[in-house]
Every structure is written in structure tokens, then in C-alpha cells.
N, C-alpha and C. Protein backbone atom coordinates (compact mmCIF):
# COMPACT_ATOMS: atom_id res chain seq x y z
N MET A 1 9.27 15.08 -17.82
CA MET A 1 8.45 13.89 -17.65
C MET A 1 8.75 13.25 -16.31
N GLY A 2 7.72 12.82 -15.62
CA GLY A 2 7.89 12.17 -14.33
C GLY A 2 7.78 10.66 -14.44
N PHE A 3 7.75 10.03 -13.31
CA PHE A 3 7.59 8.58 -13.24
C PHE A 3 6.24 8.27 -12.62
N ILE A 4 5.59 7.22 -13.10
CA ILE A 4 4.32 6.75 -12.55
C ILE A 4 4.61 5.61 -11.58
N LEU A 5 4.09 5.73 -10.38
CA LEU A 5 4.19 4.67 -9.39
C LEU A 5 2.78 4.12 -9.20
N LYS A 6 2.62 2.83 -9.44
CA LYS A 6 1.30 2.23 -9.23
C LYS A 6 1.48 0.83 -8.69
N GLY A 7 0.45 0.38 -8.00
CA GLY A 7 0.52 -0.95 -7.42
C GLY A 7 -0.80 -1.33 -6.81
N ASN A 8 -0.78 -2.42 -6.06
CA ASN A 8 -1.97 -2.95 -5.41
C ASN A 8 -1.55 -3.44 -4.04
N LEU A 9 -2.27 -3.00 -3.03
CA LEU A 9 -1.99 -3.44 -1.66
C LEU A 9 -3.24 -4.04 -1.05
N ALA A 10 -3.06 -5.20 -0.43
CA ALA A 10 -4.17 -5.86 0.25
C ALA A 10 -3.61 -6.63 1.44
N GLY A 11 -4.43 -6.77 2.45
CA GLY A 11 -4.07 -7.61 3.58
C GLY A 11 -4.59 -9.02 3.32
N GLU A 12 -3.86 -10.01 3.76
CA GLU A 12 -4.31 -11.39 3.62
C GLU A 12 -4.68 -11.92 5.00
N LEU A 13 -5.97 -12.07 5.20
CA LEU A 13 -6.46 -12.60 6.48
C LEU A 13 -6.24 -14.11 6.56
N CYS A 14 -6.28 -14.76 5.40
CA CYS A 14 -5.96 -16.18 5.26
C CYS A 14 -5.54 -16.38 3.80
N LYS A 15 -5.19 -17.60 3.43
CA LYS A 15 -4.68 -17.85 2.08
C LYS A 15 -5.65 -17.38 0.99
N ASP A 16 -6.94 -17.54 1.18
CA ASP A 16 -7.93 -17.17 0.17
C ASP A 16 -8.74 -15.93 0.55
N CYS A 17 -8.29 -15.17 1.53
CA CYS A 17 -9.07 -14.02 2.03
C CYS A 17 -8.28 -12.73 1.91
N LYS A 18 -8.28 -12.12 0.72
CA LYS A 18 -7.60 -10.84 0.53
C LYS A 18 -8.55 -9.71 0.85
N GLU A 19 -8.06 -8.73 1.57
CA GLU A 19 -8.85 -7.57 1.97
C GLU A 19 -8.13 -6.31 1.47
N PRO A 20 -8.71 -5.58 0.50
CA PRO A 20 -8.06 -4.35 0.02
C PRO A 20 -7.94 -3.34 1.16
N LEU A 21 -6.90 -2.54 1.12
CA LEU A 21 -6.66 -1.54 2.15
C LEU A 21 -7.29 -0.21 1.76
N PHE A 22 -8.54 -0.26 1.32
CA PHE A 22 -9.30 0.88 0.83
C PHE A 22 -9.22 2.07 1.78
N GLY A 23 -8.92 3.23 1.19
CA GLY A 23 -8.87 4.47 1.96
C GLY A 23 -7.53 4.75 2.62
N SER A 24 -6.63 3.78 2.64
CA SER A 24 -5.30 4.00 3.21
C SER A 24 -4.49 4.89 2.28
N ILE A 25 -3.52 5.58 2.83
CA ILE A 25 -2.65 6.45 2.05
C ILE A 25 -1.27 5.82 1.97
N VAL A 26 -0.73 5.75 0.75
CA VAL A 26 0.63 5.28 0.51
C VAL A 26 1.47 6.53 0.28
N ARG A 27 2.55 6.68 1.02
CA ARG A 27 3.44 7.83 0.87
C ARG A 27 4.81 7.36 0.43
N PHE A 28 5.40 8.13 -0.46
CA PHE A 28 6.74 7.85 -0.98
C PHE A 28 7.68 8.96 -0.53
N TYR A 29 8.78 8.56 0.10
CA TYR A 29 9.73 9.51 0.65
C TYR A 29 11.08 9.39 -0.05
N ARG A 30 11.72 10.53 -0.20
CA ARG A 30 13.10 10.57 -0.69
C ARG A 30 14.00 9.97 0.40
N VAL A 31 15.03 9.28 -0.01
CA VAL A 31 16.00 8.72 0.94
C VAL A 31 16.87 9.86 1.43
N GLU A 32 16.96 9.99 2.75
CA GLU A 32 17.71 11.11 3.33
C GLU A 32 19.22 10.92 3.21
N ASN A 33 19.71 9.77 3.61
CA ASN A 33 21.15 9.50 3.55
C ASN A 33 21.38 8.25 2.72
N PHE A 34 21.77 8.43 1.47
CA PHE A 34 21.95 7.31 0.57
C PHE A 34 23.22 6.53 0.92
N ASP A 35 23.09 5.22 1.02
CA ASP A 35 24.24 4.34 1.13
C ASP A 35 23.87 3.02 0.44
N LEU A 36 24.80 2.10 0.40
CA LEU A 36 24.57 0.86 -0.33
C LEU A 36 23.47 -0.01 0.28
N SER A 37 23.13 0.18 1.54
CA SER A 37 22.06 -0.62 2.14
C SER A 37 20.71 -0.31 1.48
N ILE A 38 20.57 0.87 0.90
CA ILE A 38 19.34 1.24 0.19
C ILE A 38 19.13 0.30 -1.00
N ILE A 39 20.19 -0.01 -1.73
CA ILE A 39 20.10 -0.91 -2.88
C ILE A 39 19.67 -2.30 -2.42
N THR A 40 20.17 -2.75 -1.29
CA THR A 40 19.77 -4.03 -0.73
C THR A 40 18.29 -4.03 -0.40
N ASN A 41 17.77 -2.94 0.13
CA ASN A 41 16.34 -2.85 0.47
C ASN A 41 15.45 -2.91 -0.76
N VAL A 42 15.91 -2.41 -1.89
CA VAL A 42 15.11 -2.44 -3.11
C VAL A 42 14.81 -3.88 -3.51
N ALA A 43 15.77 -4.76 -3.33
CA ALA A 43 15.61 -6.16 -3.73
C ALA A 43 14.98 -7.02 -2.62
N ALA A 44 14.80 -6.45 -1.45
CA ALA A 44 14.29 -7.22 -0.31
C ALA A 44 12.78 -7.42 -0.39
N ASP A 45 12.30 -8.39 0.36
CA ASP A 45 10.86 -8.63 0.48
C ASP A 45 10.22 -7.39 1.12
N PRO A 46 9.17 -6.82 0.50
CA PRO A 46 8.54 -5.60 1.03
C PRO A 46 8.09 -5.72 2.49
N LYS A 47 7.70 -6.91 2.94
CA LYS A 47 7.27 -7.01 4.33
C LYS A 47 8.41 -6.74 5.31
N ASN A 48 9.65 -6.75 4.80
CA ASN A 48 10.81 -6.43 5.63
C ASN A 48 11.25 -4.98 5.50
N THR A 49 10.67 -4.23 4.56
CA THR A 49 11.13 -2.86 4.33
C THR A 49 10.04 -1.81 4.46
N LEU A 50 8.77 -2.18 4.34
CA LEU A 50 7.68 -1.21 4.49
C LEU A 50 7.56 -0.80 5.95
N GLN A 51 7.10 0.42 6.19
CA GLN A 51 6.93 0.90 7.55
C GLN A 51 5.57 1.55 7.70
N ILE A 52 4.95 1.32 8.83
CA ILE A 52 3.75 2.06 9.21
C ILE A 52 4.23 3.13 10.18
N LEU A 53 3.98 4.39 9.82
CA LEU A 53 4.48 5.50 10.61
C LEU A 53 3.40 6.09 11.50
N ASP A 54 3.79 6.53 12.69
CA ASP A 54 2.85 7.25 13.54
C ASP A 54 2.92 8.74 13.18
N GLU A 55 2.06 9.55 13.77
CA GLU A 55 1.98 10.98 13.42
C GLU A 55 3.31 11.70 13.62
N LYS A 56 4.01 11.38 14.68
CA LYS A 56 5.30 12.03 14.97
C LYS A 56 6.32 11.71 13.87
N GLN A 57 6.37 10.46 13.43
CA GLN A 57 7.30 10.07 12.37
C GLN A 57 6.92 10.72 11.03
N ILE A 58 5.61 10.83 10.76
CA ILE A 58 5.15 11.46 9.51
C ILE A 58 5.58 12.92 9.48
N LYS A 59 5.41 13.63 10.58
CA LYS A 59 5.83 15.04 10.64
C LYS A 59 7.33 15.18 10.47
N ALA A 60 8.10 14.28 11.06
CA ALA A 60 9.56 14.35 10.97
C ALA A 60 10.05 14.11 9.54
N LYS A 61 9.31 13.32 8.76
CA LYS A 61 9.71 13.00 7.38
C LYS A 61 9.06 13.92 6.35
N ALA A 62 8.25 14.87 6.77
CA ALA A 62 7.46 15.69 5.84
C ALA A 62 8.30 16.33 4.74
N LYS A 63 9.50 16.79 5.07
CA LYS A 63 10.35 17.44 4.07
C LYS A 63 10.86 16.47 3.00
N LEU A 64 10.77 15.17 3.25
CA LEU A 64 11.25 14.16 2.31
C LEU A 64 10.13 13.57 1.44
N LEU A 65 8.87 13.97 1.70
CA LEU A 65 7.73 13.43 0.96
C LEU A 65 7.79 13.87 -0.51
N ILE A 66 7.72 12.89 -1.42
CA ILE A 66 7.76 13.22 -2.85
C ILE A 66 6.48 12.85 -3.58
N ALA A 67 5.64 11.99 -2.99
CA ALA A 67 4.36 11.64 -3.62
C ALA A 67 3.52 10.86 -2.63
N GLU A 68 2.21 10.87 -2.86
CA GLU A 68 1.31 10.04 -2.07
C GLU A 68 0.11 9.66 -2.92
N ALA A 69 -0.55 8.58 -2.53
CA ALA A 69 -1.71 8.09 -3.27
C ALA A 69 -2.67 7.42 -2.30
N GLU A 70 -3.96 7.49 -2.63
CA GLU A 70 -4.97 6.81 -1.82
C GLU A 70 -5.32 5.48 -2.48
N ILE A 71 -5.50 4.47 -1.68
CA ILE A 71 -5.85 3.14 -2.17
C ILE A 71 -7.35 3.06 -2.43
N ASP A 72 -7.72 2.58 -3.63
CA ASP A 72 -9.14 2.49 -4.01
C ASP A 72 -9.77 1.18 -3.51
N GLU A 73 -11.05 0.97 -3.89
CA GLU A 73 -11.81 -0.19 -3.42
C GLU A 73 -11.22 -1.53 -3.83
N GLN A 74 -10.46 -1.55 -4.92
CA GLN A 74 -9.82 -2.79 -5.37
C GLN A 74 -8.40 -2.96 -4.83
N GLY A 75 -7.94 -1.99 -4.05
CA GLY A 75 -6.59 -2.06 -3.49
C GLY A 75 -5.55 -1.40 -4.36
N ASN A 76 -5.95 -0.73 -5.45
CA ASN A 76 -5.01 -0.10 -6.37
C ASN A 76 -4.66 1.31 -5.94
N TYR A 77 -3.43 1.72 -6.26
CA TYR A 77 -3.02 3.10 -6.08
C TYR A 77 -2.19 3.53 -7.29
N LYS A 78 -2.13 4.84 -7.54
CA LYS A 78 -1.35 5.37 -8.64
C LYS A 78 -1.01 6.81 -8.33
N THR A 79 0.24 7.20 -8.57
CA THR A 79 0.68 8.58 -8.39
C THR A 79 1.84 8.85 -9.33
N GLU A 80 2.15 10.11 -9.52
CA GLU A 80 3.24 10.49 -10.43
C GLU A 80 4.29 11.26 -9.66
N LEU A 81 5.55 10.89 -9.89
CA LEU A 81 6.67 11.66 -9.37
C LEU A 81 7.01 12.73 -10.38
N LYS A 82 6.92 13.96 -9.97
CA LYS A 82 7.27 15.05 -10.87
C LYS A 82 8.72 15.45 -10.60
N GLY A 83 9.39 15.93 -11.61
CA GLY A 83 10.78 16.34 -11.45
C GLY A 83 11.75 15.30 -11.96
N LYS A 84 13.00 15.48 -11.61
CA LYS A 84 14.06 14.59 -12.07
C LYS A 84 14.51 13.68 -10.94
N TYR A 85 14.61 12.38 -11.25
CA TYR A 85 15.07 11.40 -10.27
C TYR A 85 16.05 10.46 -10.91
């Protein structure tokens, strides 16, 4: 049995103006070198831990990719991690 990862991502142009990130791809990567700072990042505000990667960075992390999902018109995404974690 795997794990289901789901969520909703949207940009906020102003307090009342949410814009779904339709068509964007969310990628989940395995942590390469585990240390205690990883646990700190789990509890941190996502705007301090999320990264937008360029093509070079995506290629460099390809071996660590464990799942990806496309964001729908409402900003929702869902994917399953297969295997043991």
C-alpha cells in the first residue's frame, strides 16, 4: 500500500483574489542526505521551503523523483507514492 499526497495550490494576487495554478506540475523528491534540518523544514511555512526549479535543477534531481501530479482547474492535485516509505 502506498501513500496518497493531495492538496490545493493557488496564487494570491490580493487578499480576495485566488488564482489556481492550473496546468502546473507538482513534483515530490526523495531527500538525498537526511539530517535533522529536514524535520525542521516539515514544520516550517511552505513559502520558506518550496522551490521552483529550472530545467538544469530538474535534470539533476531526476533520480530522486518519487511522484508528480498536475494541478487541475480548481488548484487541486493528487498522486500516490508507491513502495515503502
